Amino acid sequence: MNRHAGPPADTSAPPVPEPAYAERARTLAHLGRTGTLATLSRKHPGHPFASVMPYALDERGRPLMLISSMAMHTQNLTADGRASLLVTQPTAGDPLAAGRVTLMGQATRIPEGEASAARAAYLERHVNAAYWVDFDDFGFWRLEPTDLYFVGGFGAMDWVSADEYTTAERDPLADAAESILEHVNADHAPALLAYVRTLAGEPADEATMVSIDRLGFGVRVRTAERVHGLRVPFPTEVRTTGQCRQVLTEMFRGPR
């Protein structure tokens, strides 16, 4: 069950459906391409050593890394494979209001028999790596998650088990979400604001769609007094951009 930092403002209202933290963590890891890898320093035993780490995911959502034996993080992992990878949601606003996930686990070299699959998955995400992927000092490593910590913004955070994460599916709108948000905020801002003011019961001065998934969307609402977030459910689950367009059109055409 998802736990939050505090109770909702209206405890009598039914909960608004939204994806489980495991699905949101899997989606965020899928959308990311670079994280922060924390290893245990050889030079300073017990001290964390953080470095920038491009990564890809395998079919179970496990991070794949292409690293050089000369890199300090590789030397650290060779001595002790315990590591964490932090992936954050890009945002132009408050970074603490954005999503992030920390994958904790054991990093190991990928066996030769599995290297071709890792190579294909990695190069699909990082095309430029083709220039050095076959260098003798480079090799593929995989982080096997043992536990995860997900933060979805203020008041939305919890541990996610490795089994929950690796068996979860990413949101079907994940790859299109950014373009959907840009389109709605650029071309349908008045309709979104009208919807928030009436059907959602918010006396808003400004409304910006900030997230979207198969079950609904998030809105940043500004009034004269404050800025806060609002979760709006879809009347039915959507799994394609076409379904999403149709449902949003119907919602925004509703009574004003």
C-alpha atoms as a PDB file:
ATOM      1  CA  MET A   1       0.000   0.000   0.000  1.00  0.00           C
ATOM      2  CA  ASN A   2       1.234   3.498  -0.811  1.00  0.00           C
ATOM      3  CA  ARG A   3       2.040   5.558   2.263  1.00  0.00           C
ATOM      4  CA  HIS A   4       2.201   9.322   2.291  1.00  0.00           C
ATOM      5  CA  ALA A   5       3.831  11.925   4.488  1.00  0.00           C
ATOM      6  CA  GLY A   6       0.466  13.216   5.670  1.00  0.00           C
ATOM      7  CA  PRO A   7      -3.279  12.621   5.267  1.00  0.00           C
ATOM      8  CA  PRO A   8      -5.160  14.076   2.308  1.00  0.00           C
ATOM      9  CA  ALA A   9      -6.924  17.372   2.790  1.00  0.00           C
ATOM     10  CA  ASP A  10     -10.374  15.746   2.540  1.00  0.00           C
ATOM     11  CA  THR A  11     -10.327  12.355   4.224  1.00  0.00           C
ATOM     12  CA  SER A  12     -14.002  11.764   3.388  1.00  0.00           C
ATOM     13  CA  ALA A  13     -13.409  11.925  -0.380  1.00  0.00           C
ATOM     14  CA  PRO A  14     -12.836   8.647  -2.229  1.00  0.00           C
ATOM     15  CA  PRO A  15      -9.212   8.090  -3.299  1.00  0.00           C
ATOM     16  CA  VAL A  16      -8.326   9.187  -6.825  1.00  0.00           C
ATOM     17  CA  PRO A  17      -6.983   6.202  -8.793  1.00  0.00           C
ATOM     18  CA  GLU A  18      -3.348   6.407  -9.818  1.00  0.00           C
ATOM     19  CA  PRO A  19      -0.635   3.909 -10.756  1.00  0.00           C
ATOM     20  CA  ALA A  20       1.130   2.067  -7.955  1.00  0.00           C
ATOM     21  CA  TYR A  21       4.553   3.279  -6.904  1.00  0.00           C
ATOM     22  CA  ALA A  22       6.162   0.210  -8.518  1.00  0.00           C
ATOM     23  CA  GLU A  23       4.673   1.147 -11.896  1.00  0.00           C
ATOM     24  CA  ARG A  24       5.661   4.780 -11.475  1.00  0.00           C
ATOM     25  CA  ALA A  25       9.217   3.780 -10.532  1.00  0.00           C
ATOM     26  CA  ARG A  26       9.458   1.456 -13.537  1.00  0.00           C
ATOM     27  CA  THR A  27       8.136   4.231 -15.808  1.00  0.00           C
ATOM     28  CA  LEU A  28      10.610   6.782 -14.458  1.00  0.00           C
ATOM     29  CA  ALA A  29      13.529   4.382 -14.881  1.00  0.00           C
ATOM     30  CA  HIS A  30      12.392   3.695 -18.458  1.00  0.00           C
ATOM     31  CA  LEU A  31      12.209   7.376 -19.357  1.00  0.00           C
ATOM     32  CA  GLY A  32      15.588   8.182 -17.873  1.00  0.00           C
ATOM     33  CA  ARG A  33      18.863   7.714 -19.709  1.00  0.00           C
ATOM     34  CA  THR A  34      21.381   8.973 -17.182  1.00  0.00           C
ATOM     35  CA  GLY A  35      21.490   8.574 -13.422  1.00  0.00           C
ATOM     36  CA  THR A  36      23.855   9.079 -10.514  1.00  0.00           C
ATOM     37  CA  LEU A  37      25.725   5.913  -9.560  1.00  0.00           C
ATOM     38  CA  ALA A  38      26.910   5.619  -5.956  1.00  0.00           C
ATOM     39  CA  THR A  39      29.614   3.047  -5.279  1.00  0.00           C
ATOM     40  CA  LEU A  40      31.779   2.316  -2.235  1.00  0.00           C
ATOM     41  CA  SER A  41      35.160   4.000  -2.502  1.00  0.00           C
ATOM     42  CA  ARG A  42      38.278   1.822  -2.522  1.00  0.00           C
ATOM     43  CA  LYS A  43      40.485   4.756  -1.623  1.00  0.00           C
ATOM     44  CA  HIS A  44      38.240   5.882   1.251  1.00  0.00           C
ATOM     45  CA  PRO A  45      36.693   2.651   2.580  1.00  0.00           C
ATOM     46  CA  GLY A  46      33.036   2.947   3.522  1.00  0.00           C
ATOM     47  CA  HIS A  47      32.649   6.357   1.886  1.00  0.00           C
ATOM     48  CA  PRO A  48      30.117   6.751  -0.982  1.00  0.00           C
ATOM     49  CA  PHE A  49      31.528   7.741  -4.362  1.00  0.00           C
ATOM     50  CA  ALA A  50      29.015   9.239  -6.811  1.00  0.00           C
ATOM     51  CA  SER A  51      29.413   9.541 -10.579  1.00  0.00           C
ATOM     52  CA  VAL A  52      27.312  10.275 -13.649  1.00  0.00           C
ATOM     53  CA  MET A  53      26.114   7.049 -15.260  1.00  0.00           C
ATOM     54  CA  PRO A  54      24.326   6.586 -18.602  1.00  0.00           C
ATOM     55  CA  TYR A  55      22.254   3.406 -18.491  1.00  0.00           C
ATOM     56  CA  ALA A  56      19.682   1.308 -20.321  1.00  0.00           C
ATOM     57  CA  LEU A  57      17.219  -1.258 -18.971  1.00  0.00           C
ATOM     58  CA  ASP A  58      16.796  -4.934 -19.702  1.00  0.00           C
ATOM     59  CA  GLU A  59      13.403  -6.631 -20.023  1.00  0.00           C
ATOM     60  CA  ARG A  60      13.013  -6.715 -16.225  1.00  0.00           C
ATOM     61  CA  GLY A  61      13.896  -3.068 -15.722  1.00  0.00           C
ATOM     62  CA  ARG A  62      17.397  -3.783 -14.415  1.00  0.00           C
ATOM     63  CA  PRO A  63      19.948  -1.046 -15.250  1.00  0.00           C
ATOM     64  CA  LEU A  64      22.623  -1.923 -17.789  1.00  0.00           C
ATOM     65  CA  MET A  65      25.868   0.067 -17.722  1.00  0.00           C
ATOM     66  CA  LEU A  66      28.742   0.236 -20.194  1.00  0.00           C
ATOM     67  CA  ILE A  67      31.824   1.183 -18.179  1.00  0.00           C
ATOM     68  CA  SER A  68      35.577   1.265 -18.589  1.00  0.00           C
ATOM     69  CA  SER A  69      37.915  -0.702 -16.354  1.00  0.00           C
ATOM     70  CA  MET A  70      39.909   2.513 -15.931  1.00  0.00           C
ATOM     71  CA  ALA A  71      36.937   4.370 -14.390  1.00  0.00           C
ATOM     72  CA  MET A  72      36.968   4.860 -10.646  1.00  0.00           C
ATOM     73  CA  HIS A  73      33.428   3.527 -10.237  1.00  0.00           C
ATOM     74  CA  THR A  74      34.405   0.322 -12.069  1.00  0.00           C
ATOM     75  CA  GLN A  75      37.364  -0.174  -9.753  1.00  0.00           C
ATOM     76  CA  ASN A  76      35.054   0.379  -6.802  1.00  0.00           C
ATOM     77  CA  LEU A  77      32.527  -2.160  -8.101  1.00  0.00           C
ATOM     78  CA  THR A  78      35.246  -4.727  -8.734  1.00  0.00           C
ATOM     79  CA  ALA A  79      36.151  -4.532  -5.050  1.00  0.00           C
ATOM     80  CA  ASP A  80      32.561  -4.309  -3.740  1.00  0.00           C
ATOM     81  CA  GLY A  81      29.541  -4.639  -6.014  1.00  0.00           C
ATOM     82  CA  ARG A  82      27.087  -2.886  -3.714  1.00  0.00           C
ATOM     83  CA  ALA A  83      25.756   0.224  -5.443  1.00  0.00           C
ATOM     84  CA  SER A  84      22.787   2.559  -5.893  1.00  0.00           C
ATOM     85  CA  LEU A  85      21.508   4.349  -8.987  1.00  0.00           C
ATOM     86  CA  LEU A  86      19.494   7.554  -8.565  1.00  0.00           C
ATOM     87  CA  VAL A  87      17.224   8.516 -11.472  1.00  0.00           C
ATOM     88  CA  THR A  88      15.417  11.856 -11.381  1.00  0.00           C
ATOM     89  CA  GLN A  89      12.575  13.314 -13.413  1.00  0.00           C
ATOM     90  CA  PRO A  90      13.712  16.352 -15.430  1.00  0.00           C
ATOM     91  CA  THR A  91      11.899  19.520 -14.393  1.00  0.00           C
ATOM     92  CA  ALA A  92      12.189  23.248 -14.882  1.00  0.00           C
ATOM     93  CA  GLY A  93      10.435  23.808 -11.558  1.00  0.00           C
ATOM     94  CA  ASP A  94      11.149  22.750  -7.990  1.00  0.00           C
ATOM     95  CA  PRO A  95      13.269  19.565  -8.177  1.00  0.00           C
ATOM     96  CA  LEU A  96      11.811  18.376  -4.863  1.00  0.00           C
ATOM     97  CA  ALA A  97       8.357  18.308  -6.468  1.00  0.00           C
ATOM     98  CA  ALA A  98       9.550  16.018  -9.265  1.00  0.00           C
ATOM     99  CA  GLY A  99       9.764  12.247  -9.214  1.00  0.00           C
ATOM    100  CA  ARG A 100      12.909  10.257  -8.446  1.00  0.00           C
ATOM    101  CA  VAL A 101      13.815   6.673  -7.660  1.00  0.00           C
ATOM    102  CA  THR A 102      16.855   5.118  -6.016  1.00  0.00           C
ATOM    103  CA  LEU A 103      17.625   1.556  -7.067  1.00  0.00           C
ATOM    104  CA  MET A 104      19.797  -0.221  -4.515  1.00  0.00           C
ATOM    105  CA  GLY A 105      21.441  -3.494  -5.407  1.00  0.00           C
ATOM    106  CA  GLN A 106      24.439  -5.538  -6.459  1.00  0.00           C
ATOM    107  CA  ALA A 107      26.333  -4.700  -9.642  1.00  0.00           C
ATOM    108  CA  THR A 108      27.992  -7.546 -11.536  1.00  0.00           C
ATOM    109  CA  ARG A 109      29.683  -8.015 -14.893  1.00  0.00           C
ATOM    110  CA  ILE A 110      27.284  -9.364 -17.500  1.00  0.00           C
ATOM    111  CA  PRO A 111      28.236 -12.898 -18.611  1.00  0.00           C
ATOM    112  CA  GLU A 112      29.528 -13.239 -22.156  1.00  0.00           C
ATOM    113  CA  GLY A 113      26.458 -15.222 -23.199  1.00  0.00           C
ATOM    114  CA  GLU A 114      24.187 -12.302 -22.273  1.00  0.00           C
ATOM    115  CA  ALA A 115      26.396  -9.521 -23.614  1.00  0.00           C
ATOM    116  CA  SER A 116      24.780  -9.317 -27.060  1.00  0.00           C
ATOM    117  CA  ALA A 117      21.326  -8.614 -25.618  1.00  0.00           C
ATOM    118  CA  ALA A 118      22.776  -5.998 -23.273  1.00  0.00           C
ATOM    119  CA  ARG A 119      24.687  -4.429 -26.160  1.00  0.00           C
ATOM    120  CA  ALA A 120      21.546  -4.118 -28.282  1.00  0.00           C
ATOM    121  CA  ALA A 121      19.485  -2.623 -25.458  1.00  0.00           C
ATOM    122  CA  TYR A 122      22.227  -0.155 -24.546  1.00  0.00           C
ATOM    123  CA  LEU A 123      22.935   1.043 -28.084  1.00  0.00           C
ATOM    124  CA  GLU A 124      19.222   1.558 -28.668  1.00  0.00           C
ATOM    125  CA  ARG A 125      19.305   4.126 -25.862  1.00  0.00           C
ATOM    126  CA  HIS A 126      22.814   5.506 -26.436  1.00  0.00           C
ATOM    127  CA  VAL A 127      23.622   5.532 -30.139  1.00  0.00           C
ATOM    128  CA  ASN A 128      26.903   7.420 -29.694  1.00  0.00           C
ATOM    129  CA  ALA A 129      28.245   4.583 -27.527  1.00  0.00           C
ATOM    130  CA  ALA A 130      28.796   2.630 -30.756  1.00  0.00           C
ATOM    131  CA  TYR A 131      32.085   4.517 -31.088  1.00  0.00           C
ATOM    132  CA  TRP A 132      33.585   2.932 -27.945  1.00  0.00           C
ATOM    133  CA  VAL A 133      31.411  -0.104 -27.137  1.00  0.00           C
ATOM    134  CA  ASP A 134      33.994  -2.488 -28.605  1.00  0.00           C
ATOM    135  CA  PHE A 135      37.047  -0.961 -26.915  1.00  0.00           C
ATOM    136  CA  ASP A 136      38.951  -3.597 -24.943  1.00  0.00           C
ATOM    137  CA  ASP A 137      38.674  -1.745 -21.640  1.00  0.00           C
ATOM    138  CA  PHE A 138      34.875  -1.379 -21.810  1.00  0.00           C
ATOM    139  CA  GLY A 139      32.401  -3.954 -20.581  1.00  0.00           C
ATOM    140  CA  PHE A 140      28.753  -4.311 -19.594  1.00  0.00           C
ATOM    141  CA  TRP A 141      27.588  -4.415 -16.005  1.00  0.00           C
ATOM    142  CA  ARG A 142      24.097  -4.940 -14.596  1.00  0.00           C
ATOM    143  CA  LEU A 143      22.618  -3.651 -11.360  1.00  0.00           C
ATOM    144  CA  GLU A 144      20.407  -6.304  -9.769  1.00  0.00           C
ATOM    145  CA  PRO A 145      17.948  -4.370  -7.557  1.00  0.00           C
ATOM    146  CA  THR A 146      17.441  -5.595  -4.023  1.00  0.00           C
ATOM    147  CA  ASP A 147      15.276  -2.662  -2.893  1.00  0.00           C
ATOM    148  CA  LEU A 148      14.048   0.681  -4.231  1.00  0.00           C
ATOM    149  CA  TYR A 149      12.908   3.977  -2.780  1.00  0.00           C
ATOM    150  CA  PHE A 150      10.463   6.021  -4.845  1.00  0.00           C
ATOM    151  CA  VAL A 151       9.497   9.660  -4.344  1.00  0.00           C
ATOM    152  CA  GLY A 152       6.701  11.029  -6.503  1.00  0.00           C
ATOM    153  CA  GLY A 153       6.873  14.584  -5.196  1.00  0.00           C
ATOM    154  CA  PHE A 154       5.812  16.161  -1.933  1.00  0.00           C
ATOM    155  CA  GLY A 155       4.012  13.703   0.342  1.00  0.00           C
ATOM    156  CA  ALA A 156       4.293  10.709  -2.039  1.00  0.00           C
ATOM    157  CA  MET A 157       7.088   8.327  -1.111  1.00  0.00           C
ATOM    158  CA  ASP A 158       7.683   4.728  -0.087  1.00  0.00           C
ATOM    159  CA  TRP A 159       9.896   1.686  -0.449  1.00  0.00           C
ATOM    160  CA  VAL A 160       9.194  -0.567  -3.427  1.00  0.00           C
ATOM    161  CA  SER A 161      10.359  -4.174  -3.357  1.00  0.00           C
ATOM    162  CA  ALA A 162      12.573  -5.497  -6.122  1.00  0.00           C
ATOM    163  CA  ASP A 163       9.922  -8.062  -7.076  1.00  0.00           C
ATOM    164  CA  GLU A 164       7.227  -5.390  -7.352  1.00  0.00           C
ATOM    165  CA  TYR A 165       9.490  -3.280  -9.538  1.00  0.00           C
ATOM    166  CA  THR A 166      10.759  -5.996 -11.888  1.00  0.00           C
ATOM    167  CA  THR A 167       7.254  -7.394 -12.481  1.00  0.00           C
ATOM    168  CA  ALA A 168       5.601  -3.997 -12.976  1.00  0.00           C
ATOM    169  CA  GLU A 169       4.936  -2.590 -16.436  1.00  0.00           C
ATOM    170  CA  ARG A 170       5.795   0.942 -17.424  1.00  0.00           C
ATOM    171  CA  ASP A 171       2.868   3.250 -18.126  1.00  0.00           C
ATOM    172  CA  PRO A 172       1.612   2.812 -21.728  1.00  0.00           C
ATOM    173  CA  LEU A 173       1.606   6.603 -22.243  1.00  0.00           C
ATOM    174  CA  ALA A 174       5.163   7.036 -20.937  1.00  0.00           C
ATOM    175  CA  ASP A 175       6.895   7.734 -24.252  1.00  0.00           C
ATOM    176  CA  ALA A 176       4.176  10.139 -25.415  1.00  0.00           C
ATOM    177  CA  ALA A 177       3.527  11.893 -22.105  1.00  0.00           C
ATOM    178  CA  GLU A 178       5.851  14.858 -22.672  1.00  0.00           C
ATOM    179  CA  SER A 179       4.345  15.687 -26.075  1.00  0.00           C
ATOM    180  CA  ILE A 180       0.809  15.341 -24.675  1.00  0.00           C
ATOM    181  CA  LEU A 181       1.611  17.788 -21.869  1.00  0.00           C
ATOM    182  CA  GLU A 182       3.152  20.274 -24.293  1.00  0.00           C
ATOM    183  CA  HIS A 183       0.148  20.051 -26.617  1.00  0.00           C
ATOM    184  CA  VAL A 184      -2.459  20.497 -23.890  1.00  0.00           C
ATOM    185  CA  ASN A 185      -0.669  23.394 -22.197  1.00  0.00           C
ATOM    186  CA  ALA A 186       0.074  25.180 -25.479  1.00  0.00           C
ATOM    187  CA  ASP A 187      -3.181  24.621 -27.364  1.00  0.00           C
ATOM    188  CA  HIS A 188      -5.840  23.805 -24.770  1.00  0.00           C
ATOM    189  CA  ALA A 189      -4.919  25.861 -21.711  1.00  0.00           C
ATOM    190  CA  PRO A 190      -8.276  27.725 -21.570  1.00  0.00           C
ATOM    191  CA  ALA A 191     -10.208  24.439 -21.770  1.00  0.00           C
ATOM    192  CA  LEU A 192      -8.051  22.915 -19.014  1.00  0.00           C
ATOM    193  CA  LEU A 193      -8.566  25.944 -16.782  1.00  0.00           C
ATOM    194  CA  ALA A 194     -12.330  25.892 -17.383  1.00  0.00           C
ATOM    195  CA  TYR A 195     -12.427  22.203 -16.512  1.00  0.00           C
ATOM    196  CA  VAL A 196     -10.500  22.706 -13.286  1.00  0.00           C
ATOM    197  CA  ARG A 197     -12.696  25.645 -12.268  1.00  0.00           C
ATOM    198  CA  THR A 198     -15.978  23.808 -12.732  1.00  0.00           C
ATOM    199  CA  LEU A 199     -15.958  20.031 -12.906  1.00  0.00           C
ATOM    200  CA  ALA A 200     -13.026  19.717 -10.506  1.00  0.00           C
ATOM    201  CA  GLY A 201     -14.401  22.453  -8.240  1.00  0.00           C
ATOM    202  CA  GLU A 202     -11.237  24.541  -8.065  1.00  0.00           C
ATOM    203  CA  PRO A 203     -11.405  28.387  -8.103  1.00  0.00           C
ATOM    204  CA  ALA A 204      -8.204  28.541 -10.127  1.00  0.00           C
ATOM    205  CA  ASP A 205      -6.451  31.504 -11.744  1.00  0.00           C
ATOM    206  CA  GLU A 206      -4.086  29.256 -13.690  1.00  0.00           C
ATOM    207  CA  ALA A 207      -3.860  25.532 -14.395  1.00  0.00           C
ATOM    208  CA  THR A 208      -0.951  23.623 -15.950  1.00  0.00           C
ATOM    209  CA  MET A 209      -0.979  19.914 -16.744  1.00  0.00           C
ATOM    210  CA  VAL A 210       2.235  18.503 -15.251  1.00  0.00           C
ATOM    211  CA  SER A 211       1.817  14.720 -15.560  1.00  0.00           C
ATOM    212  CA  ILE A 212      -0.332  12.158 -17.331  1.00  0.00           C
ATOM    213  CA  ASP A 213      -0.722   8.381 -17.194  1.00  0.00           C
ATOM    214  CA  ARG A 214      -3.214   5.683 -18.067  1.00  0.00           C
ATOM    215  CA  LEU A 215      -5.502   6.523 -15.132  1.00  0.00           C
ATOM    216  CA  GLY A 216      -5.528  10.337 -15.131  1.00  0.00           C
ATOM    217  CA  PHE A 217      -3.441  13.477 -15.039  1.00  0.00           C
ATOM    218  CA  GLY A 218      -1.874  15.899 -12.591  1.00  0.00           C
ATOM    219  CA  VAL A 219      -2.436  19.650 -12.637  1.00  0.00           C
ATOM    220  CA  ARG A 220      -0.531  22.458 -10.956  1.00  0.00           C
ATOM    221  CA  VAL A 221      -3.186  24.937  -9.850  1.00  0.00           C
ATOM    222  CA  ARG A 222      -2.472  28.555  -8.978  1.00  0.00           C
ATOM    223  CA  THR A 223      -4.873  30.766  -7.080  1.00  0.00           C
ATOM    224  CA  ALA A 224      -4.306  34.177  -5.544  1.00  0.00           C
ATOM    225  CA  GLU A 225      -3.397  32.518  -2.254  1.00  0.00           C
ATOM    226  CA  ARG A 226      -1.374  29.445  -3.137  1.00  0.00           C
ATOM    227  CA  VAL A 227      -0.022  26.945  -5.644  1.00  0.00           C
ATOM    228  CA  HIS A 228      -0.971  23.299  -5.188  1.00  0.00           C
ATOM    229  CA  GLY A 229      -1.360  20.035  -7.063  1.00  0.00           C
ATOM    230  CA  LEU A 230      -4.557  18.342  -8.181  1.00  0.00           C
ATOM    231  CA  ARG A 231      -5.036  14.772  -9.402  1.00  0.00           C
ATOM    232  CA  VAL A 232      -7.799  14.332 -12.015  1.00  0.00           C
ATOM    233  CA  PRO A 233      -8.948  10.786 -12.870  1.00  0.00           C
ATOM    234  CA  PHE A 234      -9.960   9.649 -16.334  1.00  0.00           C
ATOM    235  CA  PRO A 235     -13.505   8.270 -16.607  1.00  0.00           C
ATOM    236  CA  THR A 236     -11.930   5.156 -18.131  1.00  0.00           C
ATOM    237  CA  GLU A 237      -8.398   3.791 -18.474  1.00  0.00           C
ATOM    238  CA  VAL A 238      -6.524   4.876 -21.601  1.00  0.00           C
ATOM    239  CA  ARG A 239      -3.673   2.883 -23.124  1.00  0.00           C
ATOM    240  CA  THR A 240      -2.984   4.668 -26.413  1.00  0.00           C
ATOM    241  CA  THR A 241      -2.472   8.270 -27.487  1.00  0.00           C
ATOM    242  CA  GLY A 242      -5.636   8.027 -29.575  1.00  0.00           C
ATOM    243  CA  GLN A 243      -7.698   6.954 -26.571  1.00  0.00           C
ATOM    244  CA  CYS A 244      -6.081   9.698 -24.506  1.00  0.00           C
ATOM    245  CA  ARG A 245      -6.939  12.361 -27.094  1.00  0.00           C
ATOM    246  CA  GLN A 246     -10.550  11.180 -27.251  1.00  0.00           C
ATOM    247  CA  VAL A 247     -11.031  11.104 -23.478  1.00  0.00           C
ATOM    248  CA  LEU A 248      -9.440  14.528 -22.942  1.00  0.00           C
ATOM    249  CA  THR A 249     -11.589  16.005 -25.708  1.00  0.00           C
ATOM    250  CA  GLU A 250     -14.735  14.622 -24.100  1.00  0.00           C
ATOM    251  CA  MET A 251     -13.704  15.852 -20.653  1.00  0.00           C
ATOM    252  CA  PHE A 252     -12.882  19.375 -21.844  1.00  0.00           C
ATOM    253  CA  ARG A 253     -16.136  19.562 -23.820  1.00  0.00           C
ATOM    254  CA  GLY A 254     -18.163  18.784 -20.714  1.00  0.00           C
ATOM    255  CA  PRO A 255     -20.406  21.334 -18.989  1.00  0.00           C
ATOM    256  CA  ARG A 256     -18.563  24.537 -18.130  1.00  0.00           C
END
